[in-house]
Amino acid sequence: MSQPANSEALKLIYDYDYLLQRLYSRLPARTAKASRFELPKLMVERIGTKTVIRNFKQLADVMRREPRLVMRYLLKELGTSGNYDEENGMLLINAKVSSATLNNLVQRFVKTYVICPTCGAPDTRLERRGKAWILACDACGAEQPVPPL
C-alpha cells in the first residue's frame, strides 16, 4: 500500500516542479530596480570661497525630497552654512567644496534616506512621527527608522 502513496507523492513533486518551471519561463525578465533611478550630474561651480550647486532643485525633484531637507543634510555633513535660492533652484554653500565630496554626500543621502533597504526601490517617502523619521516604501510597504535630519 505504501507503493501507490509514494508514486502519487512523486507525481505531485514532478507536477509541482514542472508547473514552477513553466511559471518562471513565462515571467518577464527581471531588470535592475536602480537603473530607472538615475541622479542628474551635479553642476558645481566655485565662486571665490563659495560653492554653488546650480541644478539642486532638479536633484531634489529626482529624489522626491524637499530641497530644504536635502540642504539641511548637506550643510550638516559639511559643517558649514549656506542657503537655498528657491527662485533659481540653486544651493549656495559658504565654503569651498569639491564636486567629488558633494557627489559622495549625495550618494550617502540616497542610500540612507531614499532607497528602500528591504527591496531596493527608490519609491519611498520620509515621514516624521513624533521625533522619529521613518522611511516608508511605496513598493513593498516596509517601514524603516532613519537617522534624524
N, C-alpha and C. Protein backbone atom coordinates (compact mmCIF):
# COMPACT_ATOMS: atom_id res chain seq x y z
N MET A 1 0.80 -1.19 0.00
CA MET A 1 0.00 0.00 0.00
C MET A 1 0.85 1.27 0.00
N SER A 2 2.06 1.19 0.51
CA SER A 2 2.93 2.36 0.54
C SER A 2 3.43 2.71 -0.86
N GLN A 3 3.44 1.75 -1.77
CA GLN A 3 3.91 1.98 -3.12
C GLN A 3 3.05 3.01 -3.85
N PRO A 4 1.70 2.90 -3.88
CA PRO A 4 0.90 3.91 -4.57
C PRO A 4 1.02 5.29 -3.93
N ALA A 5 1.17 5.36 -2.63
CA ALA A 5 1.31 6.66 -1.97
C ALA A 5 2.61 7.33 -2.40
N ASN A 6 3.69 6.56 -2.51
CA ASN A 6 4.97 7.11 -2.95
C ASN A 6 4.90 7.60 -4.39
N SER A 7 4.26 6.82 -5.25
CA SER A 7 4.19 7.23 -6.65
C SER A 7 3.33 8.49 -6.81
N GLU A 8 2.29 8.61 -6.00
CA GLU A 8 1.46 9.84 -6.06
C GLU A 8 2.26 11.03 -5.55
N ALA A 9 3.04 10.83 -4.52
CA ALA A 9 3.88 11.91 -3.99
C ALA A 9 4.91 12.33 -5.03
N LEU A 10 5.53 11.37 -5.69
CA LEU A 10 6.49 11.69 -6.75
C LEU A 10 5.82 12.41 -7.90
N LYS A 11 4.61 11.99 -8.23
CA LYS A 11 3.88 12.63 -9.32
C LYS A 11 3.55 14.08 -8.96
N LEU A 12 3.16 14.31 -7.68
CA LEU A 12 2.88 15.68 -7.24
C LEU A 12 4.14 16.54 -7.29
N ILE A 13 5.28 15.97 -6.84
CA ILE A 13 6.54 16.72 -6.87
C ILE A 13 6.92 17.02 -8.31
N TYR A 14 6.78 16.06 -9.18
CA TYR A 14 7.09 16.27 -10.59
C TYR A 14 6.18 17.35 -11.16
N ASP A 15 4.91 17.27 -10.87
CA ASP A 15 3.97 18.27 -11.37
C ASP A 15 4.30 19.65 -10.81
N TYR A 16 4.66 19.70 -9.55
CA TYR A 16 4.99 20.98 -8.94
C TYR A 16 6.22 21.58 -9.61
N ASP A 17 7.27 20.79 -9.78
CA ASP A 17 8.48 21.29 -10.44
C ASP A 17 8.20 21.72 -11.88
N TYR A 18 7.40 20.92 -12.56
CA TYR A 18 7.05 21.25 -13.94
C TYR A 18 6.28 22.57 -13.99
N LEU A 19 5.30 22.70 -13.10
CA LEU A 19 4.49 23.93 -13.08
C LEU A 19 5.34 25.14 -12.68
N LEU A 20 6.24 24.94 -11.74
CA LEU A 20 7.11 26.03 -11.32
C LEU A 20 8.01 26.50 -12.47
N GLN A 21 8.60 25.56 -13.18
CA GLN A 21 9.44 25.90 -14.34
C GLN A 21 8.63 26.62 -15.40
N ARG A 22 7.41 26.15 -15.62
CA ARG A 22 6.55 26.78 -16.61
C ARG A 22 6.22 28.21 -16.20
N LEU A 23 5.98 28.41 -14.92
CA LEU A 23 5.71 29.76 -14.41
C LEU A 23 6.90 30.67 -14.63
N TYR A 24 8.10 30.22 -14.25
CA TYR A 24 9.29 31.04 -14.41
C TYR A 24 9.59 31.35 -15.87
N SER A 25 9.30 30.43 -16.75
CA SER A 25 9.57 30.67 -18.17
C SER A 25 8.64 31.73 -18.75
N ARG A 26 7.50 31.92 -18.13
CA ARG A 26 6.54 32.91 -18.65
C ARG A 26 6.66 34.28 -17.98
N LEU A 27 7.42 34.38 -16.92
CA LEU A 27 7.61 35.66 -16.26
C LEU A 27 8.51 36.56 -17.10
N PRO A 28 8.29 37.88 -17.06
CA PRO A 28 9.20 38.78 -17.78
C PRO A 28 10.57 38.79 -17.10
N ALA A 29 11.57 39.13 -17.86
CA ALA A 29 12.93 39.17 -17.34
C ALA A 29 13.04 40.24 -16.27
N ARG A 30 13.81 39.95 -15.22
CA ARG A 30 14.00 40.91 -14.14
C ARG A 30 14.95 42.00 -14.58
N THR A 31 14.62 43.21 -14.24
CA THR A 31 15.50 44.34 -14.54
C THR A 31 16.00 44.92 -13.23
N ALA A 32 17.11 45.60 -13.30
CA ALA A 32 17.66 46.22 -12.10
C ALA A 32 16.75 47.37 -11.69
N LYS A 33 16.40 47.42 -10.42
CA LYS A 33 15.48 48.44 -9.93
C LYS A 33 16.12 49.82 -9.91
N ALA A 34 17.40 49.87 -9.64
CA ALA A 34 18.06 51.16 -9.54
C ALA A 34 18.34 51.78 -10.90
N SER A 35 18.19 51.02 -11.99
CA SER A 35 18.53 51.56 -13.30
C SER A 35 17.57 52.68 -13.71
N ARG A 36 16.34 52.62 -13.25
CA ARG A 36 15.40 53.68 -13.61
C ARG A 36 15.57 54.91 -12.73
N PHE A 37 16.39 54.77 -11.70
CA PHE A 37 16.64 55.87 -10.77
C PHE A 37 18.05 56.39 -11.00
N GLU A 38 18.17 57.41 -11.81
CA GLU A 38 19.47 57.98 -12.10
C GLU A 38 19.48 59.45 -11.68
N LEU A 39 20.45 59.79 -10.86
CA LEU A 39 20.58 61.17 -10.41
C LEU A 39 21.23 62.01 -11.50
N PRO A 40 20.79 63.26 -11.63
CA PRO A 40 21.47 64.12 -12.60
C PRO A 40 22.88 64.46 -12.12
N LYS A 41 23.76 64.71 -13.07
CA LYS A 41 25.13 65.09 -12.73
C LYS A 41 25.10 66.47 -12.07
N LEU A 42 25.77 66.58 -10.93
CA LEU A 42 25.78 67.85 -10.21
C LEU A 42 26.53 68.91 -11.00
N MET A 43 25.90 70.06 -11.14
CA MET A 43 26.55 71.20 -11.80
C MET A 43 27.12 72.09 -10.70
N VAL A 44 28.36 71.83 -10.33
CA VAL A 44 29.03 72.52 -9.22
C VAL A 44 29.91 73.62 -9.78
N GLU A 45 29.83 74.78 -9.15
CA GLU A 45 30.63 75.93 -9.59
C GLU A 45 31.19 76.61 -8.35
N ARG A 46 32.47 76.91 -8.36
CA ARG A 46 33.09 77.63 -7.24
C ARG A 46 33.22 79.10 -7.60
N ILE A 47 32.75 79.92 -6.68
CA ILE A 47 32.86 81.37 -6.86
C ILE A 47 33.56 81.91 -5.62
N GLY A 48 34.83 82.19 -5.74
CA GLY A 48 35.62 82.65 -4.58
C GLY A 48 35.68 81.56 -3.53
N THR A 49 35.19 81.88 -2.33
CA THR A 49 35.19 80.89 -1.24
C THR A 49 33.85 80.18 -1.11
N LYS A 50 32.97 80.39 -2.05
CA LYS A 50 31.64 79.78 -2.01
C LYS A 50 31.51 78.73 -3.11
N THR A 51 30.60 77.80 -2.89
CA THR A 51 30.32 76.75 -3.86
C THR A 51 28.84 76.81 -4.19
N VAL A 52 28.51 76.69 -5.47
CA VAL A 52 27.12 76.75 -5.91
C VAL A 52 26.77 75.44 -6.63
N ILE A 53 25.64 74.85 -6.25
CA ILE A 53 25.10 73.71 -6.99
C ILE A 53 23.94 74.27 -7.80
N ARG A 54 24.14 74.38 -9.12
CA ARG A 54 23.17 75.05 -9.98
C ARG A 54 21.89 74.24 -10.18
N ASN A 55 21.98 72.92 -10.23
CA ASN A 55 20.80 72.10 -10.50
C ASN A 55 20.30 71.40 -9.23
N PHE A 56 20.34 72.09 -8.12
CA PHE A 56 19.96 71.49 -6.84
C PHE A 56 18.47 71.14 -6.79
N LYS A 57 17.63 71.99 -7.32
CA LYS A 57 16.17 71.72 -7.33
C LYS A 57 15.88 70.48 -8.15
N GLN A 58 16.53 70.34 -9.30
CA GLN A 58 16.34 69.17 -10.15
C GLN A 58 16.78 67.90 -9.41
N LEU A 59 17.88 67.97 -8.69
CA LEU A 59 18.37 66.84 -7.91
C LEU A 59 17.36 66.43 -6.85
N ALA A 60 16.82 67.40 -6.12
CA ALA A 60 15.83 67.11 -5.08
C ALA A 60 14.55 66.54 -5.68
N ASP A 61 14.16 67.04 -6.85
CA ASP A 61 12.95 66.53 -7.51
C ASP A 61 13.11 65.07 -7.93
N VAL A 62 14.28 64.70 -8.44
CA VAL A 62 14.52 63.31 -8.84
C VAL A 62 14.48 62.39 -7.62
N MET A 63 15.01 62.86 -6.49
CA MET A 63 15.00 62.06 -5.27
C MET A 63 13.62 62.07 -4.59
N ARG A 64 12.74 62.96 -5.03
CA ARG A 64 11.42 63.15 -4.43
C ARG A 64 11.53 63.54 -2.96
N ARG A 65 12.41 64.49 -2.70
CA ARG A 65 12.61 65.02 -1.35
C ARG A 65 12.53 66.54 -1.40
N GLU A 66 12.14 67.13 -0.29
CA GLU A 66 12.09 68.58 -0.19
C GLU A 66 13.52 69.13 -0.28
N PRO A 67 13.73 70.16 -1.09
CA PRO A 67 15.09 70.73 -1.19
C PRO A 67 15.65 71.19 0.16
N ARG A 68 14.79 71.67 1.03
CA ARG A 68 15.25 72.14 2.35
C ARG A 68 15.82 70.99 3.19
N LEU A 69 15.21 69.79 3.08
CA LEU A 69 15.72 68.63 3.82
C LEU A 69 17.09 68.20 3.29
N VAL A 70 17.22 68.16 1.97
CA VAL A 70 18.50 67.77 1.36
C VAL A 70 19.56 68.81 1.71
N MET A 71 19.19 70.09 1.67
CA MET A 71 20.11 71.16 2.01
C MET A 71 20.57 71.02 3.46
N ARG A 72 19.64 70.76 4.36
CA ARG A 72 19.97 70.63 5.77
C ARG A 72 20.97 69.49 5.98
N TYR A 73 20.74 68.36 5.29
CA TYR A 73 21.66 67.22 5.40
C TYR A 73 23.06 67.59 4.90
N LEU A 74 23.13 68.17 3.71
CA LEU A 74 24.44 68.52 3.13
C LEU A 74 25.20 69.50 4.00
N LEU A 75 24.51 70.54 4.46
CA LEU A 75 25.19 71.56 5.26
C LEU A 75 25.62 70.99 6.60
N LYS A 76 24.82 70.12 7.18
CA LYS A 76 25.19 69.49 8.46
C LYS A 76 26.42 68.61 8.28
N GLU A 77 26.45 67.84 7.20
CA GLU A 77 27.59 66.96 6.95
C GLU A 77 28.86 67.75 6.63
N LEU A 78 28.70 68.87 5.94
CA LEU A 78 29.87 69.69 5.60
C LEU A 78 30.31 70.57 6.76
N GLY A 79 29.42 70.78 7.72
CA GLY A 79 29.75 71.62 8.87
C GLY A 79 29.91 73.08 8.50
N THR A 80 29.04 73.55 7.61
CA THR A 80 29.11 74.94 7.17
C THR A 80 27.70 75.48 7.01
N SER A 81 27.61 76.73 6.61
CA SER A 81 26.31 77.35 6.39
C SER A 81 26.08 77.53 4.89
N GLY A 82 24.88 77.87 4.56
CA GLY A 82 24.52 78.09 3.16
C GLY A 82 23.05 78.44 3.07
N ASN A 83 22.59 78.70 1.86
CA ASN A 83 21.16 78.97 1.69
C ASN A 83 20.70 78.48 0.33
N TYR A 84 19.39 78.25 0.27
CA TYR A 84 18.76 77.72 -0.93
C TYR A 84 18.00 78.84 -1.62
N ASP A 85 18.28 79.04 -2.90
CA ASP A 85 17.60 80.05 -3.71
C ASP A 85 16.44 79.36 -4.43
N GLU A 86 15.21 79.54 -3.89
CA GLU A 86 14.04 78.88 -4.47
C GLU A 86 13.74 79.36 -5.88
N GLU A 87 14.00 80.61 -6.14
CA GLU A 87 13.69 81.19 -7.45
C GLU A 87 14.49 80.53 -8.57
N ASN A 88 15.79 80.30 -8.33
CA ASN A 88 16.66 79.71 -9.35
C ASN A 88 16.92 78.22 -9.13
N GLY A 89 16.53 77.69 -7.98
CA GLY A 89 16.75 76.28 -7.68
C GLY A 89 18.20 75.95 -7.42
N MET A 90 18.96 76.90 -6.87
CA MET A 90 20.38 76.70 -6.62
C MET A 90 20.65 76.65 -5.12
N LEU A 91 21.70 75.93 -4.76
CA LEU A 91 22.16 75.87 -3.37
C LEU A 91 23.50 76.57 -3.28
N LEU A 92 23.62 77.54 -2.40
CA LEU A 92 24.86 78.28 -2.17
C LEU A 92 25.46 77.79 -0.86
N ILE A 93 26.66 77.25 -0.93
CA ILE A 93 27.36 76.75 0.25
C ILE A 93 28.50 77.71 0.55
N ASN A 94 28.59 78.15 1.79
CA ASN A 94 29.61 79.14 2.18
C ASN A 94 30.94 78.48 2.52
N ALA A 95 31.44 77.66 1.61
CA ALA A 95 32.74 77.01 1.78
C ALA A 95 33.18 76.46 0.43
N LYS A 96 34.48 76.22 0.29
CA LYS A 96 34.99 75.57 -0.92
C LYS A 96 34.80 74.07 -0.74
N VAL A 97 34.02 73.46 -1.63
CA VAL A 97 33.75 72.03 -1.54
C VAL A 97 33.97 71.44 -2.92
N SER A 98 34.68 70.33 -2.98
CA SER A 98 34.92 69.69 -4.28
C SER A 98 33.67 68.97 -4.75
N SER A 99 33.56 68.80 -6.04
CA SER A 99 32.39 68.10 -6.59
C SER A 99 32.40 66.63 -6.18
N ALA A 100 33.59 66.04 -6.00
CA ALA A 100 33.67 64.64 -5.55
C ALA A 100 33.07 64.49 -4.15
N THR A 101 33.39 65.43 -3.27
CA THR A 101 32.83 65.39 -1.91
C THR A 101 31.32 65.52 -1.95
N LEU A 102 30.82 66.44 -2.76
CA LEU A 102 29.37 66.62 -2.86
C LEU A 102 28.70 65.38 -3.44
N ASN A 103 29.31 64.77 -4.45
CA ASN A 103 28.74 63.55 -5.03
C ASN A 103 28.70 62.43 -4.00
N ASN A 104 29.75 62.29 -3.19
CA ASN A 104 29.76 61.27 -2.14
C ASN A 104 28.66 61.52 -1.12
N LEU A 105 28.48 62.77 -0.72
CA LEU A 105 27.43 63.09 0.24
C LEU A 105 26.04 62.82 -0.32
N VAL A 106 25.83 63.14 -1.60
CA VAL A 106 24.54 62.88 -2.22
C VAL A 106 24.28 61.38 -2.29
N GLN A 107 25.31 60.60 -2.63
CA GLN A 107 25.16 59.15 -2.68
C GLN A 107 24.82 58.58 -1.30
N ARG A 108 25.45 59.11 -0.26
CA ARG A 108 25.14 58.67 1.11
C ARG A 108 23.72 59.03 1.49
N PHE A 109 23.27 60.23 1.09
CA PHE A 109 21.89 60.65 1.35
C PHE A 109 20.91 59.70 0.67
N VAL A 110 21.18 59.38 -0.59
CA VAL A 110 20.30 58.48 -1.35
C VAL A 110 20.24 57.11 -0.68
N LYS A 111 21.39 56.60 -0.30
CA LYS A 111 21.42 55.26 0.32
C LYS A 111 20.67 55.25 1.64
N THR A 112 20.77 56.31 2.42
CA THR A 112 20.15 56.35 3.74
C THR A 112 18.70 56.78 3.71
N TYR A 113 18.37 57.80 2.91
CA TYR A 113 17.06 58.44 3.00
C TYR A 113 16.17 58.27 1.77
N VAL A 114 16.62 57.56 0.73
CA VAL A 114 15.81 57.43 -0.48
C VAL A 114 15.56 55.96 -0.84
N ILE A 115 16.60 55.17 -0.96
CA ILE A 115 16.48 53.78 -1.40
C ILE A 115 15.97 52.90 -0.26
N CYS A 116 14.97 52.07 -0.55
CA CYS A 116 14.41 51.16 0.45
C CYS A 116 15.44 50.06 0.77
N PRO A 117 15.78 49.87 2.05
CA PRO A 117 16.75 48.84 2.39
C PRO A 117 16.20 47.42 2.22
N THR A 118 14.89 47.27 2.15
CA THR A 118 14.29 45.95 2.02
C THR A 118 14.26 45.48 0.57
N CYS A 119 13.71 46.31 -0.33
CA CYS A 119 13.54 45.87 -1.71
C CYS A 119 14.44 46.62 -2.69
N GLY A 120 15.07 47.69 -2.27
CA GLY A 120 15.98 48.43 -3.15
C GLY A 120 15.30 49.40 -4.09
N ALA A 121 14.01 49.64 -3.91
CA ALA A 121 13.28 50.55 -4.79
C ALA A 121 13.45 52.00 -4.32
N PRO A 122 13.47 52.95 -5.25
CA PRO A 122 13.56 54.35 -4.86
C PRO A 122 12.20 54.98 -4.57
N ASP A 123 11.13 54.20 -4.61
CA ASP A 123 9.78 54.71 -4.40
C ASP A 123 9.46 54.79 -2.91
N THR A 124 10.09 55.75 -2.24
CA THR A 124 9.92 55.89 -0.80
C THR A 124 9.51 57.31 -0.46
N ARG A 125 9.09 57.47 0.78
CA ARG A 125 8.78 58.80 1.28
C ARG A 125 9.25 58.89 2.73
N LEU A 126 9.66 60.07 3.14
CA LEU A 126 10.10 60.30 4.52
C LEU A 126 8.93 60.83 5.32
N GLU A 127 8.66 60.20 6.44
CA GLU A 127 7.58 60.66 7.32
C GLU A 127 8.17 60.96 8.68
N ARG A 128 7.63 61.97 9.31
CA ARG A 128 8.07 62.30 10.66
C ARG A 128 6.98 61.88 11.63
N ARG A 129 7.31 61.00 12.55
CA ARG A 129 6.37 60.53 13.57
C ARG A 129 6.95 60.90 14.93
N GLY A 130 6.40 61.95 15.47
CA GLY A 130 6.96 62.46 16.72
C GLY A 130 8.34 63.01 16.46
N LYS A 131 9.33 62.45 17.14
CA LYS A 131 10.71 62.89 16.92
C LYS A 131 11.46 61.96 15.97
N ALA A 132 10.82 60.89 15.55
CA ALA A 132 11.48 59.89 14.70
C ALA A 132 11.17 60.13 13.23
N TRP A 133 12.16 59.86 12.37
CA TRP A 133 11.98 59.89 10.92
C TRP A 133 11.85 58.45 10.44
N ILE A 134 10.84 58.20 9.62
CA ILE A 134 10.57 56.86 9.10
C ILE A 134 10.65 56.90 7.58
N LEU A 135 11.37 55.93 7.00
CA LEU A 135 11.44 55.77 5.55
C LEU A 135 10.40 54.72 5.18
N ALA A 136 9.32 55.15 4.52
CA ALA A 136 8.23 54.24 4.15
C ALA A 136 8.31 53.96 2.66
N CYS A 137 8.30 52.68 2.30
CA CYS A 137 8.42 52.27 0.90
C CYS A 137 7.03 52.08 0.29
N ASP A 138 6.79 52.71 -0.84
CA ASP A 138 5.52 52.54 -1.55
C ASP A 138 5.50 51.26 -2.35
N ALA A 139 6.66 50.69 -2.67
CA ALA A 139 6.73 49.48 -3.48
C ALA A 139 6.43 48.23 -2.66
N CYS A 140 7.10 48.08 -1.52
CA CYS A 140 6.93 46.85 -0.74
C CYS A 140 6.20 47.06 0.58
N GLY A 141 6.00 48.29 1.00
CA GLY A 141 5.28 48.58 2.24
C GLY A 141 6.15 48.56 3.48
N ALA A 142 7.44 48.36 3.35
CA ALA A 142 8.33 48.31 4.52
C ALA A 142 8.50 49.70 5.11
N GLU A 143 8.71 49.72 6.40
CA GLU A 143 8.99 50.97 7.10
C GLU A 143 10.27 50.78 7.91
N GLN A 144 11.14 51.77 7.83
CA GLN A 144 12.44 51.67 8.48
C GLN A 144 12.77 53.01 9.14
N PRO A 145 13.15 53.01 10.41
CA PRO A 145 13.59 54.27 11.02
C PRO A 145 14.94 54.69 10.44
N VAL A 146 15.11 55.98 10.23
CA VAL A 146 16.37 56.51 9.70
C VAL A 146 16.89 57.56 10.67
N PRO A 147 18.18 57.88 10.59
CA PRO A 147 18.74 58.91 11.48
C PRO A 147 18.03 60.25 11.28
N PRO A 148 17.88 61.02 12.33
CA PRO A 148 17.19 62.31 12.20
C PRO A 148 17.96 63.27 11.30
N LEU A 149 17.21 64.13 10.63
CA LEU A 149 17.82 65.13 9.75
C LEU A 149 18.02 66.44 10.51
